N, C-alpha and C. Protein backbone atom coordinates (compact mmCIF):
# COMPACT_ATOMS: atom_id res chain seq x y z
N UNK A 1 31.02 -6.01 -126.05
CA UNK A 1 30.62 -5.03 -125.08
C UNK A 1 30.48 -5.58 -123.68
N UNK A 2 30.18 -6.82 -123.48
CA UNK A 2 29.89 -7.25 -122.11
C UNK A 2 31.07 -6.97 -121.17
N UNK A 3 30.73 -6.51 -119.98
CA UNK A 3 31.72 -6.21 -118.95
C UNK A 3 31.45 -7.04 -117.72
N UNK A 4 32.44 -7.82 -117.32
CA UNK A 4 32.39 -8.57 -116.08
C UNK A 4 33.30 -7.84 -115.09
N UNK A 5 32.71 -7.41 -113.98
CA UNK A 5 33.48 -6.73 -112.94
C UNK A 5 33.34 -7.55 -111.67
N UNK A 6 34.48 -8.04 -111.19
CA UNK A 6 34.49 -8.84 -109.96
C UNK A 6 35.05 -7.96 -108.84
N UNK A 7 34.18 -7.61 -107.91
CA UNK A 7 34.60 -6.87 -106.72
C UNK A 7 34.81 -7.88 -105.61
N UNK A 8 35.83 -7.64 -104.79
CA UNK A 8 36.08 -8.60 -103.71
C UNK A 8 36.73 -7.90 -102.53
N UNK A 9 36.45 -8.42 -101.34
CA UNK A 9 37.06 -7.87 -100.12
C UNK A 9 38.54 -8.22 -100.11
N UNK A 10 39.35 -7.33 -99.57
CA UNK A 10 40.80 -7.55 -99.62
C UNK A 10 41.23 -8.83 -98.91
N UNK A 11 40.43 -9.33 -98.00
CA UNK A 11 40.76 -10.59 -97.32
C UNK A 11 40.70 -11.79 -98.27
N UNK A 12 39.99 -11.67 -99.37
CA UNK A 12 39.88 -12.75 -100.34
C UNK A 12 41.24 -13.03 -100.99
N UNK A 13 42.03 -11.99 -101.17
CA UNK A 13 43.36 -12.11 -101.78
C UNK A 13 44.23 -13.16 -101.10
N UNK A 14 44.05 -13.33 -99.80
CA UNK A 14 44.88 -14.25 -99.03
C UNK A 14 44.51 -15.71 -99.27
N UNK A 15 43.29 -15.96 -99.76
CA UNK A 15 42.81 -17.35 -99.85
C UNK A 15 42.36 -17.78 -101.23
N UNK A 16 42.36 -16.86 -102.19
CA UNK A 16 41.88 -17.16 -103.53
C UNK A 16 42.89 -16.64 -104.55
N UNK A 17 43.14 -17.40 -105.58
CA UNK A 17 43.96 -16.93 -106.70
C UNK A 17 43.06 -16.04 -107.55
N UNK A 18 43.07 -14.75 -107.26
CA UNK A 18 42.14 -13.81 -107.89
C UNK A 18 42.35 -13.76 -109.40
N UNK A 19 43.59 -13.70 -109.85
CA UNK A 19 43.85 -13.65 -111.29
C UNK A 19 43.36 -14.92 -111.98
N UNK A 20 43.62 -16.07 -111.39
CA UNK A 20 43.15 -17.32 -111.96
C UNK A 20 41.63 -17.40 -111.99
N UNK A 21 40.99 -16.95 -110.92
CA UNK A 21 39.53 -16.94 -110.87
C UNK A 21 38.98 -16.02 -111.95
N UNK A 22 39.54 -14.83 -112.09
CA UNK A 22 39.09 -13.89 -113.12
C UNK A 22 39.23 -14.50 -114.51
N UNK A 23 40.36 -15.15 -114.76
CA UNK A 23 40.56 -15.78 -116.07
C UNK A 23 39.53 -16.87 -116.33
N UNK A 24 39.23 -17.68 -115.32
CA UNK A 24 38.25 -18.75 -115.50
C UNK A 24 36.85 -18.19 -115.73
N UNK A 25 36.49 -17.13 -115.02
CA UNK A 25 35.19 -16.48 -115.23
C UNK A 25 35.12 -15.90 -116.65
N UNK A 26 36.20 -15.28 -117.08
CA UNK A 26 36.29 -14.70 -118.42
C UNK A 26 36.07 -15.79 -119.47
N UNK A 27 36.69 -16.94 -119.27
CA UNK A 27 36.55 -18.04 -120.22
C UNK A 27 35.12 -18.60 -120.26
N UNK A 28 34.43 -18.57 -119.13
CA UNK A 28 33.02 -18.98 -119.12
C UNK A 28 32.22 -18.09 -120.08
N UNK A 29 32.48 -16.80 -120.01
CA UNK A 29 31.76 -15.86 -120.87
C UNK A 29 32.12 -16.11 -122.33
N UNK A 30 33.40 -16.31 -122.62
CA UNK A 30 33.82 -16.57 -123.99
C UNK A 30 33.18 -17.83 -124.55
N UNK A 31 33.13 -18.88 -123.73
CA UNK A 31 32.57 -20.17 -124.17
C UNK A 31 31.04 -20.16 -124.28
N UNK A 32 30.40 -19.15 -123.71
CA UNK A 32 28.94 -19.10 -123.75
C UNK A 32 28.40 -18.90 -125.16
N UNK A 33 29.22 -18.40 -126.05
CA UNK A 33 28.84 -18.10 -127.43
C UNK A 33 27.71 -17.09 -127.54
N UNK A 34 27.55 -16.27 -126.49
CA UNK A 34 26.53 -15.22 -126.51
C UNK A 34 27.09 -13.89 -127.00
N UNK A 35 28.41 -13.80 -127.11
CA UNK A 35 29.05 -12.52 -127.40
C UNK A 35 30.18 -12.69 -128.40
N UNK A 36 30.52 -11.60 -129.06
CA UNK A 36 31.72 -11.55 -129.88
C UNK A 36 32.89 -11.57 -128.91
N UNK A 37 33.76 -12.56 -129.02
CA UNK A 37 34.85 -12.74 -128.04
C UNK A 37 35.72 -11.49 -127.89
N UNK A 38 35.97 -10.78 -128.97
CA UNK A 38 36.84 -9.61 -128.90
C UNK A 38 36.23 -8.47 -128.06
N UNK A 39 34.94 -8.53 -127.83
CA UNK A 39 34.28 -7.44 -127.10
C UNK A 39 34.15 -7.70 -125.60
N UNK A 40 34.49 -8.91 -125.14
CA UNK A 40 34.33 -9.27 -123.72
C UNK A 40 35.46 -8.65 -122.90
N UNK A 41 35.08 -7.94 -121.84
CA UNK A 41 36.06 -7.31 -120.95
C UNK A 41 35.80 -7.78 -119.52
N UNK A 42 36.86 -8.17 -118.83
CA UNK A 42 36.73 -8.63 -117.45
C UNK A 42 37.79 -7.95 -116.61
N UNK A 43 37.44 -7.59 -115.38
CA UNK A 43 38.39 -6.96 -114.48
C UNK A 43 38.01 -7.25 -113.04
N UNK A 44 39.01 -7.17 -112.18
CA UNK A 44 38.79 -7.41 -110.75
C UNK A 44 39.14 -6.14 -109.98
N UNK A 45 38.29 -5.79 -109.04
CA UNK A 45 38.50 -4.61 -108.22
C UNK A 45 38.53 -5.02 -106.75
N UNK A 46 39.67 -4.82 -106.13
CA UNK A 46 39.84 -5.15 -104.72
C UNK A 46 39.27 -4.02 -103.87
N UNK A 47 38.42 -4.37 -102.92
CA UNK A 47 37.80 -3.37 -102.04
C UNK A 47 38.55 -3.36 -100.71
N UNK A 48 39.00 -2.19 -100.33
CA UNK A 48 39.71 -2.04 -99.07
C UNK A 48 38.78 -1.64 -97.93
N UNK A 49 37.64 -1.10 -98.28
CA UNK A 49 36.68 -0.65 -97.26
C UNK A 49 35.29 -1.15 -97.67
N UNK A 50 34.61 -1.85 -96.77
CA UNK A 50 33.27 -2.36 -97.02
C UNK A 50 32.60 -2.63 -95.69
N UNK A 51 31.29 -2.73 -95.73
CA UNK A 51 30.49 -3.07 -94.56
C UNK A 51 29.39 -4.02 -95.01
N UNK A 52 29.12 -5.04 -94.21
CA UNK A 52 28.04 -5.98 -94.50
C UNK A 52 27.18 -6.09 -93.25
N UNK A 53 25.94 -5.65 -93.37
CA UNK A 53 25.01 -5.74 -92.25
C UNK A 53 25.61 -5.19 -90.96
N UNK A 54 25.35 -5.89 -89.88
CA UNK A 54 25.86 -5.49 -88.58
C UNK A 54 27.24 -6.06 -88.29
N UNK A 55 27.75 -6.89 -89.22
CA UNK A 55 29.06 -7.51 -89.02
C UNK A 55 30.21 -6.68 -89.58
N UNK A 56 29.88 -5.55 -90.17
CA UNK A 56 30.91 -4.65 -90.66
C UNK A 56 31.80 -5.29 -91.71
N UNK A 57 33.11 -5.17 -91.50
CA UNK A 57 34.06 -5.68 -92.50
C UNK A 57 34.59 -7.07 -92.15
N UNK A 58 33.90 -7.78 -91.27
CA UNK A 58 34.36 -9.13 -90.92
C UNK A 58 33.83 -10.19 -91.89
N UNK A 59 32.95 -9.81 -92.79
CA UNK A 59 32.39 -10.73 -93.78
C UNK A 59 33.13 -10.54 -95.10
N UNK A 60 33.76 -11.61 -95.59
CA UNK A 60 34.42 -11.49 -96.89
C UNK A 60 33.41 -11.77 -98.00
N UNK A 61 33.68 -11.22 -99.18
CA UNK A 61 32.72 -11.35 -100.27
C UNK A 61 33.41 -11.30 -101.63
N UNK A 62 32.69 -11.85 -102.60
CA UNK A 62 32.99 -11.65 -104.01
C UNK A 62 31.65 -11.34 -104.67
N UNK A 63 31.59 -10.24 -105.39
CA UNK A 63 30.38 -9.87 -106.11
C UNK A 63 30.73 -9.64 -107.57
N UNK A 64 29.98 -10.28 -108.46
CA UNK A 64 30.17 -10.09 -109.90
C UNK A 64 29.03 -9.27 -110.45
N UNK A 65 29.38 -8.16 -111.08
CA UNK A 65 28.42 -7.39 -111.86
C UNK A 65 28.72 -7.67 -113.32
N UNK A 66 27.72 -8.08 -114.05
CA UNK A 66 27.90 -8.39 -115.47
C UNK A 66 26.90 -7.57 -116.26
N UNK A 67 27.43 -6.64 -117.04
CA UNK A 67 26.58 -5.77 -117.86
C UNK A 67 26.69 -6.18 -119.32
N UNK A 68 25.55 -6.26 -119.99
CA UNK A 68 25.53 -6.63 -121.39
C UNK A 68 24.44 -5.83 -122.09
N UNK A 69 24.61 -5.66 -123.38
CA UNK A 69 23.56 -4.99 -124.14
C UNK A 69 22.32 -5.87 -124.17
N UNK A 70 21.16 -5.24 -124.12
CA UNK A 70 19.91 -5.98 -124.12
C UNK A 70 19.80 -6.84 -125.38
N UNK A 71 19.03 -7.90 -125.27
CA UNK A 71 18.82 -8.77 -126.42
C UNK A 71 18.96 -10.24 -126.12
N UNK A 72 19.49 -10.60 -124.94
CA UNK A 72 19.59 -12.02 -124.57
C UNK A 72 18.34 -12.40 -123.79
N UNK A 73 17.95 -13.65 -123.93
CA UNK A 73 16.76 -14.12 -123.22
C UNK A 73 17.05 -14.29 -121.73
N UNK A 74 15.98 -14.35 -120.96
CA UNK A 74 16.12 -14.60 -119.51
C UNK A 74 16.82 -15.92 -119.27
N UNK A 75 16.49 -16.92 -120.06
CA UNK A 75 17.11 -18.24 -119.90
C UNK A 75 18.61 -18.18 -120.19
N UNK A 76 19.01 -17.46 -121.22
CA UNK A 76 20.44 -17.33 -121.53
C UNK A 76 21.18 -16.65 -120.38
N UNK A 77 20.59 -15.61 -119.82
CA UNK A 77 21.22 -14.90 -118.70
C UNK A 77 21.26 -15.76 -117.45
N UNK A 78 20.19 -16.51 -117.22
CA UNK A 78 20.14 -17.40 -116.05
C UNK A 78 21.21 -18.49 -116.16
N UNK A 79 21.38 -19.04 -117.36
CA UNK A 79 22.39 -20.08 -117.57
C UNK A 79 23.80 -19.52 -117.41
N UNK A 80 24.04 -18.33 -117.92
CA UNK A 80 25.35 -17.69 -117.76
C UNK A 80 25.62 -17.45 -116.27
N UNK A 81 24.64 -16.97 -115.55
CA UNK A 81 24.79 -16.74 -114.11
C UNK A 81 25.10 -18.04 -113.38
N UNK A 82 24.42 -19.12 -113.76
CA UNK A 82 24.64 -20.42 -113.14
C UNK A 82 26.07 -20.90 -113.38
N UNK A 83 26.56 -20.75 -114.62
CA UNK A 83 27.91 -21.19 -114.94
C UNK A 83 28.96 -20.36 -114.21
N UNK A 84 28.73 -19.05 -114.10
CA UNK A 84 29.66 -18.20 -113.36
C UNK A 84 29.68 -18.59 -111.88
N UNK A 85 28.50 -18.85 -111.31
CA UNK A 85 28.43 -19.24 -109.90
C UNK A 85 29.12 -20.57 -109.66
N UNK A 86 29.03 -21.49 -110.60
CA UNK A 86 29.73 -22.77 -110.45
C UNK A 86 31.23 -22.55 -110.30
N UNK A 87 31.79 -21.67 -111.10
CA UNK A 87 33.23 -21.37 -111.00
C UNK A 87 33.53 -20.71 -109.66
N UNK A 88 32.70 -19.77 -109.24
CA UNK A 88 32.90 -19.13 -107.94
C UNK A 88 32.89 -20.17 -106.81
N UNK A 89 31.92 -21.05 -106.83
CA UNK A 89 31.82 -22.05 -105.77
C UNK A 89 33.00 -23.00 -105.78
N UNK A 90 33.46 -23.39 -106.96
CA UNK A 90 34.60 -24.30 -107.05
C UNK A 90 35.88 -23.67 -106.48
N UNK A 91 36.10 -22.41 -106.78
CA UNK A 91 37.38 -21.78 -106.42
C UNK A 91 37.31 -20.91 -105.17
N UNK A 92 36.11 -20.50 -104.78
CA UNK A 92 36.00 -19.58 -103.65
C UNK A 92 34.81 -19.93 -102.76
N UNK A 93 34.49 -21.22 -102.70
CA UNK A 93 33.34 -21.65 -101.90
C UNK A 93 33.47 -21.33 -100.42
N UNK A 94 34.68 -21.11 -99.95
CA UNK A 94 34.92 -20.78 -98.54
C UNK A 94 34.71 -19.29 -98.25
N UNK A 95 34.54 -18.48 -99.30
CA UNK A 95 34.23 -17.05 -99.11
C UNK A 95 32.77 -16.96 -98.69
N UNK A 96 32.51 -16.15 -97.69
CA UNK A 96 31.19 -16.17 -97.05
C UNK A 96 30.05 -15.71 -97.96
N UNK A 97 30.28 -14.68 -98.77
CA UNK A 97 29.21 -14.15 -99.62
C UNK A 97 29.65 -14.15 -101.07
N UNK A 98 28.94 -14.90 -101.90
CA UNK A 98 29.20 -14.95 -103.34
C UNK A 98 27.91 -14.51 -104.04
N UNK A 99 27.99 -13.45 -104.84
CA UNK A 99 26.79 -12.94 -105.51
C UNK A 99 27.11 -12.56 -106.95
N UNK A 100 26.08 -12.64 -107.79
CA UNK A 100 26.19 -12.28 -109.20
C UNK A 100 24.95 -11.49 -109.59
N UNK A 101 25.16 -10.41 -110.32
CA UNK A 101 24.06 -9.63 -110.85
C UNK A 101 24.30 -9.40 -112.34
N UNK A 102 23.41 -9.92 -113.17
CA UNK A 102 23.51 -9.71 -114.62
C UNK A 102 22.47 -8.65 -114.98
N UNK A 103 22.93 -7.63 -115.68
CA UNK A 103 22.10 -6.46 -115.93
C UNK A 103 22.16 -6.07 -117.40
N UNK A 104 20.99 -5.84 -118.00
CA UNK A 104 20.92 -5.35 -119.37
C UNK A 104 21.19 -3.85 -119.41
N UNK A 105 21.90 -3.44 -120.45
CA UNK A 105 22.11 -2.02 -120.72
C UNK A 105 21.23 -1.63 -121.91
N UNK A 106 20.82 -0.41 -121.95
CA UNK A 106 19.98 0.09 -123.02
C UNK A 106 20.83 0.34 -124.27
N UNK A 107 20.52 -0.34 -125.36
CA UNK A 107 21.29 -0.21 -126.60
C UNK A 107 21.24 1.22 -127.13
N UNK A 108 20.13 1.89 -126.95
CA UNK A 108 19.98 3.23 -127.50
C UNK A 108 20.84 4.26 -126.81
N UNK A 109 21.17 4.05 -125.54
CA UNK A 109 21.97 5.05 -124.82
C UNK A 109 23.44 4.64 -124.69
N UNK A 110 23.77 3.42 -125.06
CA UNK A 110 25.17 2.97 -124.96
C UNK A 110 25.99 3.57 -126.08
N UNK A 111 27.20 4.03 -125.74
CA UNK A 111 28.11 4.57 -126.73
C UNK A 111 29.45 3.91 -126.57
N UNK A 112 30.16 3.76 -127.69
CA UNK A 112 31.46 3.09 -127.66
C UNK A 112 32.36 3.78 -128.67
N UNK A 113 33.61 4.01 -128.27
CA UNK A 113 34.62 4.59 -129.16
C UNK A 113 35.87 3.76 -129.03
N UNK A 114 36.36 3.26 -130.14
CA UNK A 114 37.61 2.49 -130.15
C UNK A 114 38.57 3.21 -131.08
N UNK A 115 39.73 3.53 -130.57
CA UNK A 115 40.75 4.22 -131.39
C UNK A 115 41.78 3.25 -131.88
């Protein structure tokens, strides 16, 4: 079930191998042994319009939203966040804003259908 969504400003495309970065982030999640590998989903969304503070769209960014079903400890989530940030810094350290948000989803309200 875990979903890694990497949003990034379109200017990042010019300086970062986005597909390679996404694959490396995906592998961090797989290697964490916190999830069933078949359920891990990762995707990248290029943002064409964004604003940051008073600098508008002159600030490039990569933001990772990682949603998972509740049940992992704070330490497990903190370690996963640290490992994801390490990959971001290695491959996109020149991007001005790098952020990660790991968020628990409520198991009781989550629904899944696989055909």
